[in-house]
Amino acid sequence: MALTLAEKTQLCALAADSRKAEDIVVLDVQQLSSVADHFLICSGSSDRQVRAIADAIAEELTQHGEKPLAMEGYQKGTWILIDCADLIVHVFDDDTRRFYGLERLWYRAPRVEVPGVAFAMPQSAALEALLLEEG
């Protein structure tokens, strides 16, 4: 039986988290894009970790009968895109994630919380928290 979007998103987020992915963010882009309903964005600190995160996600999906449609960027390991039909997973190294700034590009997309995963704070909330601390 096929996974629902929520189940697939949680499965991928938990797999990324299991490989110590940083700053995990899920955006609901279904009202803004015809490409997918959710974007999962996360980072690894090296090309090896980026590949390990992508491998864990692909393995979990396959074990649950949801083989990814495509995986791009694996060889270079700076930005791996995993196409899961209604979910697109972006696994970046830190520099590439900052450079492309997908969260900034898709700032209108609401964030989706996934049970069991500690998500990155929105940039505006992080800045506000910093300003309050310095207050």
C-alpha atoms as a PDB file:
ATOM      1  CA  MET A   1       0.000   0.000   0.000  1.00  0.00           C
ATOM      2  CA  ALA A   2       1.324   3.421  -0.950  1.00  0.00           C
ATOM      3  CA  LEU A   3       2.400   5.852   1.739  1.00  0.00           C
ATOM      4  CA  THR A   4       0.454   9.052   2.243  1.00  0.00           C
ATOM      5  CA  LEU A   5       2.263  12.353   1.767  1.00  0.00           C
ATOM      6  CA  ALA A   6       2.426  12.837   5.551  1.00  0.00           C
ATOM      7  CA  GLU A   7       3.830   9.325   6.075  1.00  0.00           C
ATOM      8  CA  LYS A   8       6.390   9.743   3.302  1.00  0.00           C
ATOM      9  CA  THR A   9       7.460  13.138   4.638  1.00  0.00           C
ATOM     10  CA  GLN A  10       7.856  11.777   8.166  1.00  0.00           C
ATOM     11  CA  LEU A  11       9.764   8.730   6.944  1.00  0.00           C
ATOM     12  CA  CYS A  12      12.221  10.892   4.994  1.00  0.00           C
ATOM     13  CA  ALA A  13      12.622  13.438   7.802  1.00  0.00           C
ATOM     14  CA  LEU A  14      13.305  10.686  10.347  1.00  0.00           C
ATOM     15  CA  ALA A  15      15.803   9.020   7.992  1.00  0.00           C
ATOM     16  CA  ALA A  16      17.618  12.343   7.540  1.00  0.00           C
ATOM     17  CA  ASP A  17      17.572  12.939  11.282  1.00  0.00           C
ATOM     18  CA  SER A  18      19.013   9.447  11.892  1.00  0.00           C
ATOM     19  CA  ARG A  19      22.101  10.482   9.894  1.00  0.00           C
ATOM     20  CA  LYS A  20      22.447  13.726  11.876  1.00  0.00           C
ATOM     21  CA  ALA A  21      21.095  16.000   9.142  1.00  0.00           C
ATOM     22  CA  GLU A  22      21.092  19.626  10.233  1.00  0.00           C
ATOM     23  CA  ASP A  23      18.390  22.286   9.952  1.00  0.00           C
ATOM     24  CA  ILE A  24      15.626  20.006   8.678  1.00  0.00           C
ATOM     25  CA  VAL A  25      12.788  22.023   7.153  1.00  0.00           C
ATOM     26  CA  VAL A  26       9.610  20.842   5.435  1.00  0.00           C
ATOM     27  CA  LEU A  27       7.732  23.345   3.287  1.00  0.00           C
ATOM     28  CA  ASP A  28       4.184  22.908   2.014  1.00  0.00           C
ATOM     29  CA  VAL A  29       4.474  24.130  -1.584  1.00  0.00           C
ATOM     30  CA  GLN A  30       1.301  22.610  -3.005  1.00  0.00           C
ATOM     31  CA  GLN A  31      -0.369  26.018  -3.446  1.00  0.00           C
ATOM     32  CA  LEU A  32       2.777  27.504  -5.009  1.00  0.00           C
ATOM     33  CA  SER A  33       4.133  24.785  -7.284  1.00  0.00           C
ATOM     34  CA  SER A  34       2.912  22.061  -9.601  1.00  0.00           C
ATOM     35  CA  VAL A  35       6.171  20.141  -9.131  1.00  0.00           C
ATOM     36  CA  ALA A  36       5.455  18.739  -5.651  1.00  0.00           C
ATOM     37  CA  ASP A  37       3.353  19.184  -2.514  1.00  0.00           C
ATOM     38  CA  HIS A  38       6.222  19.197   0.009  1.00  0.00           C
ATOM     39  CA  PHE A  39       9.884  20.119  -0.069  1.00  0.00           C
ATOM     40  CA  LEU A  40      12.108  18.586   2.591  1.00  0.00           C
ATOM     41  CA  ILE A  41      15.343  20.569   2.950  1.00  0.00           C
ATOM     42  CA  CYS A  42      18.280  19.560   5.139  1.00  0.00           C
ATOM     43  CA  SER A  43      22.065  19.834   5.342  1.00  0.00           C
ATOM     44  CA  GLY A  44      25.116  17.740   5.958  1.00  0.00           C
ATOM     45  CA  SER A  45      28.525  19.083   6.917  1.00  0.00           C
ATOM     46  CA  SER A  46      30.468  17.179   4.220  1.00  0.00           C
ATOM     47  CA  ASP A  47      29.893  15.446   0.902  1.00  0.00           C
ATOM     48  CA  ARG A  48      30.129  12.083   2.712  1.00  0.00           C
ATOM     49  CA  GLN A  49      27.411  13.062   5.158  1.00  0.00           C
ATOM     50  CA  VAL A  50      25.220  14.475   2.366  1.00  0.00           C
ATOM     51  CA  ARG A  51      25.478  11.132   0.552  1.00  0.00           C
ATOM     52  CA  ALA A  52      24.825   9.182   3.779  1.00  0.00           C
ATOM     53  CA  ILE A  53      21.664  11.217   4.403  1.00  0.00           C
ATOM     54  CA  ALA A  54      20.469  10.654   0.823  1.00  0.00           C
ATOM     55  CA  ASP A  55      21.254   6.927   1.067  1.00  0.00           C
ATOM     56  CA  ALA A  56      19.293   6.606   4.318  1.00  0.00           C
ATOM     57  CA  ILE A  57      16.280   8.360   2.793  1.00  0.00           C
ATOM     58  CA  ALA A  58      16.350   6.236  -0.383  1.00  0.00           C
ATOM     59  CA  GLU A  59      16.762   3.044   1.646  1.00  0.00           C
ATOM     60  CA  GLU A  60      13.814   3.852   3.939  1.00  0.00           C
ATOM     61  CA  LEU A  61      11.595   4.707   0.994  1.00  0.00           C
ATOM     62  CA  THR A  62      12.520   1.487  -0.818  1.00  0.00           C
ATOM     63  CA  GLN A  63      11.881  -0.596   2.318  1.00  0.00           C
ATOM     64  CA  HIS A  64       8.384   0.901   2.442  1.00  0.00           C
ATOM     65  CA  GLY A  65       7.648   0.255  -1.236  1.00  0.00           C
ATOM     66  CA  GLU A  66       8.252   3.856  -2.367  1.00  0.00           C
ATOM     67  CA  LYS A  67      11.294   3.739  -4.628  1.00  0.00           C
ATOM     68  CA  PRO A  68      12.401   7.307  -5.512  1.00  0.00           C
ATOM     69  CA  LEU A  69      11.633   8.352  -9.092  1.00  0.00           C
ATOM     70  CA  ALA A  70      15.065   9.951  -9.498  1.00  0.00           C
ATOM     71  CA  MET A  71      18.140  11.048  -7.580  1.00  0.00           C
ATOM     72  CA  GLU A  72      20.328  13.840  -8.956  1.00  0.00           C
ATOM     73  CA  GLY A  73      23.676  15.218  -7.773  1.00  0.00           C
ATOM     74  CA  TYR A  74      24.877  12.147  -5.898  1.00  0.00           C
ATOM     75  CA  GLN A  75      28.371  12.064  -7.440  1.00  0.00           C
ATOM     76  CA  LYS A  76      29.271  15.624  -6.470  1.00  0.00           C
ATOM     77  CA  GLY A  77      27.579  15.428  -3.057  1.00  0.00           C
ATOM     78  CA  THR A  78      26.913  19.147  -2.625  1.00  0.00           C
ATOM     79  CA  TRP A  79      23.184  19.096  -3.467  1.00  0.00           C
ATOM     80  CA  ILE A  80      21.344  15.831  -3.853  1.00  0.00           C
ATOM     81  CA  LEU A  81      17.765  16.053  -5.062  1.00  0.00           C
ATOM     82  CA  ILE A  82      15.518  13.044  -4.489  1.00  0.00           C
ATOM     83  CA  ASP A  83      12.268  13.047  -6.479  1.00  0.00           C
ATOM     84  CA  CYS A  84       9.540  11.186  -4.600  1.00  0.00           C
ATOM     85  CA  ALA A  85       6.635  12.446  -6.784  1.00  0.00           C
ATOM     86  CA  ASP A  86       4.649  14.553  -4.293  1.00  0.00           C
ATOM     87  CA  LEU A  87       7.739  15.117  -2.100  1.00  0.00           C
ATOM     88  CA  ILE A  88      11.043  16.553  -3.278  1.00  0.00           C
ATOM     89  CA  VAL A  89      13.973  16.080  -0.895  1.00  0.00           C
ATOM     90  CA  HIS A  90      16.916  18.496  -1.073  1.00  0.00           C
ATOM     91  CA  VAL A  91      20.054  17.417   0.806  1.00  0.00           C
ATOM     92  CA  PHE A  92      22.720  20.143   0.747  1.00  0.00           C
ATOM     93  CA  ASP A  93      26.157  20.770   2.087  1.00  0.00           C
ATOM     94  CA  ASP A  94      26.187  23.936   4.217  1.00  0.00           C
ATOM     95  CA  ASP A  95      27.739  26.295   1.645  1.00  0.00           C
ATOM     96  CA  THR A  96      25.476  25.202  -1.204  1.00  0.00           C
ATOM     97  CA  ARG A  97      22.377  25.526   0.962  1.00  0.00           C
ATOM     98  CA  ARG A  98      23.308  29.082   1.930  1.00  0.00           C
ATOM     99  CA  PHE A  99      24.098  29.966  -1.683  1.00  0.00           C
ATOM    100  CA  TYR A 100      20.775  28.775  -3.140  1.00  0.00           C
ATOM    101  CA  GLY A 101      18.602  29.721  -0.154  1.00  0.00           C
ATOM    102  CA  LEU A 102      15.551  27.635  -1.009  1.00  0.00           C
ATOM    103  CA  GLU A 103      13.812  28.711   2.197  1.00  0.00           C
ATOM    104  CA  ARG A 104      14.133  32.333   1.039  1.00  0.00           C
ATOM    105  CA  LEU A 105      12.883  31.491  -2.472  1.00  0.00           C
ATOM    106  CA  TRP A 106       9.864  29.656  -1.052  1.00  0.00           C
ATOM    107  CA  TYR A 107       9.260  32.017   1.892  1.00  0.00           C
ATOM    108  CA  ARG A 108       5.493  32.022   1.235  1.00  0.00           C
ATOM    109  CA  ALA A 109       5.286  28.265   1.777  1.00  0.00           C
ATOM    110  CA  PRO A 110       4.050  27.276   5.232  1.00  0.00           C
ATOM    111  CA  ARG A 111       6.340  25.071   7.294  1.00  0.00           C
ATOM    112  CA  VAL A 112       5.143  21.587   8.125  1.00  0.00           C
ATOM    113  CA  GLU A 113       5.955  20.034  11.476  1.00  0.00           C
ATOM    114  CA  VAL A 114       6.700  16.323  11.512  1.00  0.00           C
ATOM    115  CA  PRO A 115       6.351  14.380  14.775  1.00  0.00           C
ATOM    116  CA  GLY A 116       9.629  13.061  16.143  1.00  0.00           C
ATOM    117  CA  VAL A 117      11.908  15.464  14.276  1.00  0.00           C
ATOM    118  CA  ALA A 118      13.517  18.611  15.643  1.00  0.00           C
ATOM    119  CA  PHE A 119      13.097  21.197  12.919  1.00  0.00           C
ATOM    120  CA  ALA A 120      15.111  24.285  12.152  1.00  0.00           C
ATOM    121  CA  MET A 121      13.710  27.544  13.428  1.00  0.00           C
ATOM    122  CA  PRO A 122      12.571  29.923  10.654  1.00  0.00           C
ATOM    123  CA  GLN A 123      15.264  32.498   9.935  1.00  0.00           C
ATOM    124  CA  SER A 124      13.059  35.391  11.057  1.00  0.00           C
ATOM    125  CA  ALA A 125      12.295  33.641  14.366  1.00  0.00           C
ATOM    126  CA  ALA A 126      15.989  32.857  14.898  1.00  0.00           C
ATOM    127  CA  LEU A 127      16.909  36.505  14.331  1.00  0.00           C
ATOM    128  CA  GLU A 128      14.139  37.658  16.669  1.00  0.00           C
ATOM    129  CA  ALA A 129      15.332  35.232  19.389  1.00  0.00           C
ATOM    130  CA  LEU A 130      18.897  36.507  18.990  1.00  0.00           C
ATOM    131  CA  LEU A 131      17.781  40.123  19.285  1.00  0.00           C
ATOM    132  CA  LEU A 132      15.778  39.316  22.427  1.00  0.00           C
ATOM    133  CA  GLU A 133      18.821  37.625  23.996  1.00  0.00           C
ATOM    134  CA  GLU A 134      21.036  40.600  23.257  1.00  0.00           C
ATOM    135  CA  GLY A 135      18.177  42.934  24.294  1.00  0.00           C
END
